[in-house]
PDB file of N, CA and C in Angstrom:
ATOM      1  N   MET A   1      87.245  20.039  -6.560  1.00  0.00           N
ATOM      2  CA  MET A   1      86.931  18.649  -6.307  1.00  0.00           C
ATOM      3  C   MET A   1      86.373  18.439  -4.900  1.00  0.00           C
ATOM      4  N   ASN A   2      86.909  19.149  -3.921  1.00  0.00           N
ATOM      5  CA  ASN A   2      86.435  18.993  -2.552  1.00  0.00           C
ATOM      6  C   ASN A   2      85.438  20.069  -2.162  1.00  0.00           C
ATOM      7  N   GLU A   3      84.749  20.637  -3.144  1.00  0.00           N
ATOM      8  CA  GLU A   3      83.767  21.668  -2.872  1.00  0.00           C
ATOM      9  C   GLU A   3      82.572  21.067  -2.142  1.00  0.00           C
ATOM     10  N   THR A   4      81.980  21.846  -1.276  1.00  0.00           N
ATOM     11  CA  THR A   4      80.747  21.402  -0.640  1.00  0.00           C
ATOM     12  C   THR A   4      79.601  21.697  -1.591  1.00  0.00           C
ATOM     13  N   PRO A   5      78.481  20.938  -1.487  1.00  0.00           N
ATOM     14  CA  PRO A   5      77.343  21.203  -2.375  1.00  0.00           C
ATOM     15  C   PRO A   5      76.870  22.640  -2.192  1.00  0.00           C
ATOM     16  N   ARG A   6      76.557  23.295  -3.297  1.00  0.00           N
ATOM     17  CA  ARG A   6      76.103  24.676  -3.256  1.00  0.00           C
ATOM     18  C   ARG A   6      74.618  24.744  -3.517  1.00  0.00           C
ATOM     19  N   LYS A   7      73.930  25.504  -2.707  1.00  0.00           N
ATOM     20  CA  LYS A   7      72.501  25.700  -2.903  1.00  0.00           C
ATOM     21  C   LYS A   7      72.321  26.618  -4.095  1.00  0.00           C
ATOM     22  N   VAL A   8      71.564  26.198  -5.105  1.00  0.00           N
ATOM     23  CA  VAL A   8      71.377  27.033  -6.290  1.00  0.00           C
ATOM     24  C   VAL A   8      70.022  27.709  -6.313  1.00  0.00           C
ATOM     25  N   GLU A   9      69.058  27.154  -5.617  1.00  0.00           N
ATOM     26  CA  GLU A   9      67.746  27.773  -5.501  1.00  0.00           C
ATOM     27  C   GLU A   9      67.082  27.169  -4.290  1.00  0.00           C
ATOM     28  N   ALA A  10      65.913  27.622  -3.942  1.00  0.00           N
ATOM     29  CA  ALA A  10      65.261  27.211  -2.710  1.00  0.00           C
ATOM     30  C   ALA A  10      65.097  25.700  -2.606  1.00  0.00           C
ATOM     31  N   GLU A  11      64.892  25.019  -3.710  1.00  0.00           N
ATOM     32  CA  GLU A  11      64.642  23.587  -3.634  1.00  0.00           C
ATOM     33  C   GLU A  11      65.688  22.729  -4.340  1.00  0.00           C
ATOM     34  N   GLY A  12      66.777  23.307  -4.812  1.00  0.00           N
ATOM     35  CA  GLY A  12      67.728  22.519  -5.571  1.00  0.00           C
ATOM     36  C   GLY A  12      69.149  22.621  -5.046  1.00  0.00           C
ATOM     37  N   TYR A  13      69.928  21.612  -5.349  1.00  0.00           N
ATOM     38  CA  TYR A  13      71.327  21.554  -4.972  1.00  0.00           C
ATOM     39  C   TYR A  13      72.134  21.138  -6.192  1.00  0.00           C
ATOM     40  N   VAL A  14      73.391  21.508  -6.197  1.00  0.00           N
ATOM     41  CA  VAL A  14      74.325  20.995  -7.188  1.00  0.00           C
ATOM     42  C   VAL A  14      75.167  19.973  -6.447  1.00  0.00           C
ATOM     43  N   LEU A  15      75.094  18.724  -6.854  1.00  0.00           N
ATOM     44  CA  LEU A  15      75.852  17.650  -6.222  1.00  0.00           C
ATOM     45  C   LEU A  15      76.895  17.152  -7.198  1.00  0.00           C
ATOM     46  N   GLN A  16      78.043  16.820  -6.675  1.00  0.00           N
ATOM     47  CA  GLN A  16      79.128  16.352  -7.525  1.00  0.00           C
ATOM     48  C   GLN A  16      79.259  14.840  -7.370  1.00  0.00           C
ATOM     49  N   ILE A  17      79.456  14.147  -8.487  1.00  0.00           N
ATOM     50  CA  ILE A  17      79.701  12.705  -8.449  1.00  0.00           C
ATOM     51  C   ILE A  17      81.151  12.521  -8.020  1.00  0.00           C
ATOM     52  N   ARG A  18      81.359  11.669  -7.009  1.00  0.00           N
ATOM     53  CA  ARG A  18      82.697  11.490  -6.432  1.00  0.00           C
ATOM     54  C   ARG A  18      83.050  10.024  -6.306  1.00  0.00           C
ATOM     55  N   LYS A  19      84.331   9.781  -6.213  1.00  0.00           N
ATOM     56  CA  LYS A  19      84.816   8.432  -5.943  1.00  0.00           C
ATOM     57  C   LYS A  19      84.715   8.222  -4.440  1.00  0.00           C
ATOM     58  N   ILE A  20      84.064   7.145  -4.031  1.00  0.00           N
ATOM     59  CA  ILE A  20      83.905   6.799  -2.621  1.00  0.00           C
ATOM     60  C   ILE A  20      84.407   5.368  -2.472  1.00  0.00           C
ATOM     61  N   GLY A  21      85.617   5.199  -1.973  1.00  0.00           N
ATOM     62  CA  GLY A  21      86.222   3.872  -1.911  1.00  0.00           C
ATOM     63  C   GLY A  21      86.442   3.365  -3.315  1.00  0.00           C
ATOM     64  N   ASN A  22      85.927   2.168  -3.603  1.00  0.00           N
ATOM     65  CA  ASN A  22      86.029   1.590  -4.947  1.00  0.00           C
ATOM     66  C   ASN A  22      84.796   1.887  -5.789  1.00  0.00           C
ATOM     67  N   SER A  23      83.888   2.710  -5.262  1.00  0.00           N
ATOM     68  CA  SER A  23      82.639   3.013  -5.956  1.00  0.00           C
ATOM     69  C   SER A  23      82.593   4.483  -6.336  1.00  0.00           C
ATOM     70  N   THR A  24      81.511   4.854  -6.984  1.00  0.00           N
ATOM     71  CA  THR A  24      81.251   6.238  -7.331  1.00  0.00           C
ATOM     72  C   THR A  24      79.876   6.588  -6.777  1.00  0.00           C
ATOM     73  N   GLY A  25      79.742   7.790  -6.231  1.00  0.00           N
ATOM     74  CA  GLY A  25      78.451   8.149  -5.667  1.00  0.00           C
ATOM     75  C   GLY A  25      78.308   9.631  -5.465  1.00  0.00           C
ATOM     76  N   ILE A  26      77.193  10.019  -4.865  1.00  0.00           N
ATOM     77  CA  ILE A  26      76.948  11.407  -4.503  1.00  0.00           C
ATOM     78  C   ILE A  26      76.702  11.451  -3.005  1.00  0.00           C
ATOM     79  N   ILE A  27      77.006  12.579  -2.409  1.00  0.00           N
ATOM     80  CA  ILE A  27      76.780  12.771  -0.982  1.00  0.00           C
ATOM     81  C   ILE A  27      75.666  13.794  -0.834  1.00  0.00           C
ATOM     82  N   LEU A  28      74.651  13.433  -0.065  1.00  0.00           N
ATOM     83  CA  LEU A  28      73.515  14.328   0.150  1.00  0.00           C
ATOM     84  C   LEU A  28      73.765  15.167   1.405  1.00  0.00           C
ATOM     85  N   PRO A  29      73.530  16.465   1.343  1.00  0.00           N
ATOM     86  CA  PRO A  29      73.757  17.339   2.498  1.00  0.00           C
ATOM     87  C   PRO A  29      72.858  16.979   3.684  1.00  0.00           C
ATOM     88  N   LYS A  30      73.371  17.219   4.906  1.00  0.00           N
ATOM     89  CA  LYS A  30      72.638  16.899   6.129  1.00  0.00           C
ATOM     90  C   LYS A  30      71.268  17.552   6.183  1.00  0.00           C
ATOM     91  N   ASP A  31      71.196  18.834   5.812  1.00  0.00           N
ATOM     92  CA  ASP A  31      69.913  19.527   5.908  1.00  0.00           C
ATOM     93  C   ASP A  31      68.879  18.941   4.952  1.00  0.00           C
ATOM     94  N   LEU A  32      69.312  18.465   3.793  1.00  0.00           N
ATOM     95  CA  LEU A  32      68.399  17.817   2.848  1.00  0.00           C
ATOM     96  C   LEU A  32      67.901  16.492   3.414  1.00  0.00           C
ATOM     97  N   LEU A  33      68.821  15.709   3.994  1.00  0.00           N
ATOM     98  CA  LEU A  33      68.424  14.436   4.613  1.00  0.00           C
ATOM     99  C   LEU A  33      67.420  14.670   5.736  1.00  0.00           C
ATOM    100  N   ALA A  34      67.662  15.682   6.548  1.00  0.00           N
ATOM    101  CA  ALA A  34      66.757  15.983   7.657  1.00  0.00           C
ATOM    102  C   ALA A  34      65.375  16.394   7.140  1.00  0.00           C
ATOM    103  N   ARG A  35      65.344  17.264   6.115  1.00  0.00           N
ATOM    104  CA  ARG A  35      64.063  17.708   5.559  1.00  0.00           C
ATOM    105  C   ARG A  35      63.268  16.562   4.962  1.00  0.00           C
ATOM    106  N   LEU A  36      63.968  15.601   4.346  1.00  0.00           N
ATOM    107  CA  LEU A  36      63.291  14.474   3.704  1.00  0.00           C
ATOM    108  C   LEU A  36      63.102  13.296   4.646  1.00  0.00           C
ATOM    109  N   ASN A  37      63.537  13.467   5.894  1.00  0.00           N
ATOM    110  CA  ASN A  37      63.428  12.419   6.914  1.00  0.00           C
ATOM    111  C   ASN A  37      64.121  11.134   6.458  1.00  0.00           C
ATOM    112  N   LEU A  38      65.331  11.285   5.933  1.00  0.00           N
ATOM    113  CA  LEU A  38      66.125  10.145   5.478  1.00  0.00           C
ATOM    114  C   LEU A  38      67.314   9.951   6.397  1.00  0.00           C
ATOM    115  N   LYS A  39      67.772   8.706   6.493  1.00  0.00           N
ATOM    116  CA  LYS A  39      68.963   8.409   7.281  1.00  0.00           C
ATOM    117  C   LYS A  39      69.784   7.358   6.561  1.00  0.00           C
ATOM    118  N   GLU A  40      70.985   7.140   7.045  1.00  0.00           N
ATOM    119  CA  GLU A  40      71.864   6.142   6.436  1.00  0.00           C
ATOM    120  C   GLU A  40      71.162   4.790   6.407  1.00  0.00           C
ATOM    121  N   GLY A  41      71.224   4.134   5.265  1.00  0.00           N
ATOM    122  CA  GLY A  41      70.596   2.825   5.107  1.00  0.00           C
ATOM    123  C   GLY A  41      69.245   2.870   4.414  1.00  0.00           C
ATOM    124  N   ASP A  42      68.600   4.044   4.378  1.00  0.00           N
ATOM    125  CA  ASP A  42      67.329   4.170   3.664  1.00  0.00           C
ATOM    126  C   ASP A  42      67.572   3.979   2.172  1.00  0.00           C
ATOM    127  N   LYS A  43      66.562   3.534   1.469  1.00  0.00           N
ATOM    128  CA  LYS A  43      66.690   3.288   0.035  1.00  0.00           C
ATOM    129  C   LYS A  43      65.989   4.375  -0.755  1.00  0.00           C
ATOM    130  N   LEU A  44      66.621   4.783  -1.833  1.00  0.00           N
ATOM    131  CA  LEU A  44      66.026   5.724  -2.778  1.00  0.00           C
ATOM    132  C   LEU A  44      65.884   5.021  -4.114  1.00  0.00           C
ATOM    133  N   HIS A  45      64.773   5.210  -4.762  1.00  0.00           N
ATOM    134  CA  HIS A  45      64.525   4.608  -6.067  1.00  0.00           C
ATOM    135  C   HIS A  45      64.790   5.657  -7.134  1.00  0.00           C
ATOM    136  N   VAL A  46      65.509   5.255  -8.174  1.00  0.00           N
ATOM    137  CA  VAL A  46      65.858   6.156  -9.260  1.00  0.00           C
ATOM    138  C   VAL A  46      64.862   5.952 -10.387  1.00  0.00           C
ATOM    139  N   ILE A  47      64.218   7.030 -10.792  1.00  0.00           N
ATOM    140  CA  ILE A  47      63.249   6.983 -11.880  1.00  0.00           C
ATOM    141  C   ILE A  47      63.789   7.866 -12.994  1.00  0.00           C
ATOM    142  N   GLU A  48      64.095   7.242 -14.128  1.00  0.00           N
ATOM    143  CA  GLU A  48      64.615   8.010 -15.264  1.00  0.00           C
ATOM    144  C   GLU A  48      63.493   8.806 -15.903  1.00  0.00           C
ATOM    145  N   GLN A  49      63.795  10.064 -16.221  1.00  0.00           N
ATOM    146  CA  GLN A  49      62.823  10.925 -16.859  1.00  0.00           C
ATOM    147  C   GLN A  49      63.395  11.434 -18.171  1.00  0.00           C
ATOM    148  N   THR A  50      62.627  12.234 -18.862  1.00  0.00           N
ATOM    149  CA  THR A  50      63.082  12.742 -20.159  1.00  0.00           C
ATOM    150  C   THR A  50      64.211  13.755 -19.999  1.00  0.00           C
ATOM    151  N   GLU A  51      64.895  14.020 -21.086  1.00  0.00           N
ATOM    152  CA  GLU A  51      65.946  15.029 -21.168  1.00  0.00           C
ATOM    153  C   GLU A  51      67.059  14.829 -20.140  1.00  0.00           C
ATOM    154  N   ASN A  52      67.551  13.594 -20.004  1.00  0.00           N
ATOM    155  CA  ASN A  52      68.659  13.252 -19.100  1.00  0.00           C
ATOM    156  C   ASN A  52      68.395  13.619 -17.648  1.00  0.00           C
ATOM    157  N   ALA A  53      67.164  13.559 -17.211  1.00  0.00           N
ATOM    158  CA  ALA A  53      66.815  13.870 -15.831  1.00  0.00           C
ATOM    159  C   ALA A  53      66.499  12.584 -15.077  1.00  0.00           C
ATOM    160  N   VAL A  54      66.732  12.612 -13.782  1.00  0.00           N
ATOM    161  CA  VAL A  54      66.351  11.493 -12.926  1.00  0.00           C
ATOM    162  C   VAL A  54      65.595  12.043 -11.723  1.00  0.00           C
ATOM    163  N   LYS A  55      64.763  11.196 -11.147  1.00  0.00           N
ATOM    164  CA  LYS A  55      64.019  11.552  -9.951  1.00  0.00           C
ATOM    165  C   LYS A  55      64.397  10.533  -8.887  1.00  0.00           C
ATOM    166  N   LEU A  56      64.797  11.004  -7.712  1.00  0.00           N
ATOM    167  CA  LEU A  56      65.075  10.128  -6.583  1.00  0.00           C
ATOM    168  C   LEU A  56      63.850  10.146  -5.691  1.00  0.00           C
ATOM    169  N   SER A  57      63.384   8.967  -5.315  1.00  0.00           N
ATOM    170  CA  SER A  57      62.157   8.899  -4.532  1.00  0.00           C
ATOM    171  C   SER A  57      62.231   7.757  -3.533  1.00  0.00           C
ATOM    172  N   THR A  58      61.612   7.947  -2.367  1.00  0.00           N
ATOM    173  CA  THR A  58      61.490   6.858  -1.406  1.00  0.00           C
ATOM    174  C   THR A  58      60.307   5.963  -1.777  1.00  0.00           C
ATOM    175  N   TYR A  59      59.491   6.410  -2.708  1.00  0.00           N
ATOM    176  CA  TYR A  59      58.327   5.664  -3.179  1.00  0.00           C
ATOM    177  C   TYR A  59      58.779   4.533  -4.089  1.00  0.00           C
ATOM    178  N   ASP A  60      58.398   3.308  -3.748  1.00  0.00           N
ATOM    179  CA  ASP A  60      58.739   2.132  -4.544  1.00  0.00           C
ATOM    180  C   ASP A  60      57.498   1.694  -5.319  1.00  0.00           C
ATOM    181  N   PRO A  61      57.448   1.941  -6.629  1.00  0.00           N
ATOM    182  CA  PRO A  61      56.247   1.601  -7.399  1.00  0.00           C
ATOM    183  C   PRO A  61      55.930   0.105  -7.377  1.00  0.00           C
ATOM    184  N   THR A  62      56.941  -0.744  -7.304  1.00  0.00           N
ATOM    185  CA  THR A  62      56.709  -2.194  -7.254  1.00  0.00           C
ATOM    186  C   THR A  62      56.013  -2.573  -5.955  1.00  0.00           C
ATOM    187  N   PHE A  63      56.471  -2.006  -4.834  1.00  0.00           N
ATOM    188  CA  PHE A  63      55.861  -2.288  -3.536  1.00  0.00           C
ATOM    189  C   PHE A  63      54.427  -1.766  -3.501  1.00  0.00           C
ATOM    190  N   ALA A  64      54.216  -0.579  -4.044  1.00  0.00           N
ATOM    191  CA  ALA A  64      52.870   0.001  -4.059  1.00  0.00           C
ATOM    192  C   ALA A  64      51.908  -0.877  -4.855  1.00  0.00           C
ATOM    193  N   LYS A  65      52.371  -1.408  -5.984  1.00  0.00           N
ATOM    194  CA  LYS A  65      51.528  -2.287  -6.798  1.00  0.00           C
ATOM    195  C   LYS A  65      51.208  -3.573  -6.027  1.00  0.00           C
ATOM    196  N   ALA A  66      52.208  -4.135  -5.351  1.00  0.00           N
ATOM    197  CA  ALA A  66      51.994  -5.358  -4.568  1.00  0.00           C
ATOM    198  C   ALA A  66      50.998  -5.104  -3.431  1.00  0.00           C
ATOM    199  N   MET A  67      51.089  -3.940  -2.788  1.00  0.00           N
ATOM    200  CA  MET A  67      50.161  -3.618  -1.709  1.00  0.00           C
ATOM    201  C   MET A  67      48.734  -3.457  -2.236  1.00  0.00           C
ATOM    202  N   ASN A  68      48.560  -2.901  -3.420  1.00  0.00           N
ATOM    203  CA  ASN A  68      47.220  -2.783  -4.010  1.00  0.00           C
ATOM    204  C   ASN A  68      46.622  -4.157  -4.278  1.00  0.00           C
ATOM    205  N   VAL A  69      47.444  -5.083  -4.778  1.00  0.00           N
ATOM    206  CA  VAL A  69      46.982  -6.453  -5.016  1.00  0.00           C
ATOM    207  C   VAL A  69      46.613  -7.109  -3.689  1.00  0.00           C
ATOM    208  N   ALA A  70      47.440  -6.905  -2.656  1.00  0.00           N
ATOM    209  CA  ALA A  70      47.166  -7.498  -1.342  1.00  0.00           C
ATOM    210  C   ALA A  70      45.875  -6.942  -0.750  1.00  0.00           C
ATOM    211  N   ARG A  71      45.673  -5.630  -0.866  1.00  0.00           N
ATOM    212  CA  ARG A  71      44.440  -5.022  -0.341  1.00  0.00           C
ATOM    213  C   ARG A  71      43.200  -5.579  -1.032  1.00  0.00           C
ATOM    214  N   LYS A  72      43.299  -5.770  -2.340  1.00  0.00           N
ATOM    215  CA  LYS A  72      42.171  -6.316  -3.097  1.00  0.00           C
ATOM    216  C   LYS A  72      41.876  -7.745  -2.622  1.00  0.00           C
ATOM    217  N   GLY A  73      42.937  -8.536  -2.423  1.00  0.00           N
ATOM    218  CA  GLY A  73      42.755  -9.904  -1.941  1.00  0.00           C
ATOM    219  C   GLY A  73      42.181  -9.935  -0.536  1.00  0.00           C
ATOM    220  N   MET A  74      42.645  -9.041   0.331  1.00  0.00           N
ATOM    221  CA  MET A  74      42.122  -9.007   1.702  1.00  0.00           C
ATOM    222  C   MET A  74      40.655  -8.600   1.716  1.00  0.00           C
ATOM    223  N   LYS A  75      40.277  -7.705   0.816  1.00  0.00           N
ATOM    224  CA  LYS A  75      38.880  -7.280   0.746  1.00  0.00           C
ATOM    225  C   LYS A  75      38.015  -8.426   0.238  1.00  0.00           C
ATOM    226  N   THR A  76      38.494  -9.126  -0.788  1.00  0.00           N
ATOM    227  CA  THR A  76      37.734 -10.234  -1.375  1.00  0.00           C
ATOM    228  C   THR A  76      37.555 -11.377  -0.378  1.00  0.00           C
ATOM    229  N   TYR A  77      38.612 -11.696   0.371  1.00  0.00           N
ATOM    230  CA  TYR A  77      38.589 -12.844   1.284  1.00  0.00           C
ATOM    231  C   TYR A  77      38.531 -12.409   2.745  1.00  0.00           C
ATOM    232  N   ARG A  78      37.862 -11.274   3.008  1.00  0.00           N
ATOM    233  CA  ARG A  78      37.774 -10.722   4.363  1.00  0.00           C
ATOM    234  C   ARG A  78      37.224 -11.742   5.367  1.00  0.00           C
ATOM    235  N   ASN A  79      36.138 -12.421   5.023  1.00  0.00           N
ATOM    236  CA  ASN A  79      35.522 -13.375   5.950  1.00  0.00           C
ATOM    237  C   ASN A  79      36.432 -14.568   6.235  1.00  0.00           C
ATOM    238  N   ALA A  80      37.057 -15.105   5.190  1.00  0.00           N
ATOM    239  CA  ALA A  80      37.959 -16.238   5.393  1.00  0.00           C
ATOM    240  C   ALA A  80      39.168 -15.835   6.250  1.00  0.00           C
ATOM    241  N   LEU A  81      39.695 -14.651   6.014  1.00  0.00           N
ATOM    242  CA  LEU A  81      40.839 -14.183   6.814  1.00  0.00           C
ATOM    243  C   LEU A  81      40.443 -13.949   8.265  1.00  0.00           C
ATOM    244  N   ALA A  82      39.219 -13.464   8.487  1.00  0.00           N
ATOM    245  CA  ALA A  82      38.741 -13.267   9.865  1.00  0.00           C
ATOM    246  C   ALA A  82      38.624 -14.597  10.596  1.00  0.00           C
ATOM    247  N   GLU A  83      38.155 -15.616   9.892  1.00  0.00           N
ATOM    248  CA  GLU A  83      38.056 -16.955  10.506  1.00  0.00           C
ATOM    249  C   GLU A  83      39.457 -17.522  10.810  1.00  0.00           C
ATOM    250  N   LEU A  84      40.379 -17.323   9.909  1.00  0.00           N
ATOM    251  CA  LEU A  84      41.747 -17.814  10.123  1.00  0.00           C
ATOM    252  C   LEU A  84      42.429 -17.081  11.280  1.00  0.00           C
ATOM    253  N   ALA A  85      42.029 -15.857  11.521  1.00  0.00           N
ATOM    254  CA  ALA A  85      42.662 -15.060  12.590  1.00  0.00           C
ATOM    255  C   ALA A  85      42.212 -15.492  13.973  1.00  0.00           C
ATOM    256  N   LYS A  86      41.130 -16.270  14.064  1.00  0.00           N
ATOM    257  CA  LYS A  86      40.608 -16.702  15.386  1.00  0.00           C
ATOM    258  C   LYS A  86      41.528 -17.693  16.040  1.00  0.00           C
TER     259      LYS A  86
END
């Protein structure tokens, strides 16, 4: 139960689901956090995949879609935005 995460291959870890206070969670090893440039408070998005797999990502597809819409609007109204910026 109190085992530390074991490295199983160059890019993978075995993580155990644990009780943390009144919640349940996983603890990510320090070296993994450092490699991924993550720190406490950062958000990870869970993407469900086939065959009971999940992908954790810092990429937020909703934010990316909103930014694409914003870029399109800024390109369309470039002149009006330049005038408003004066």
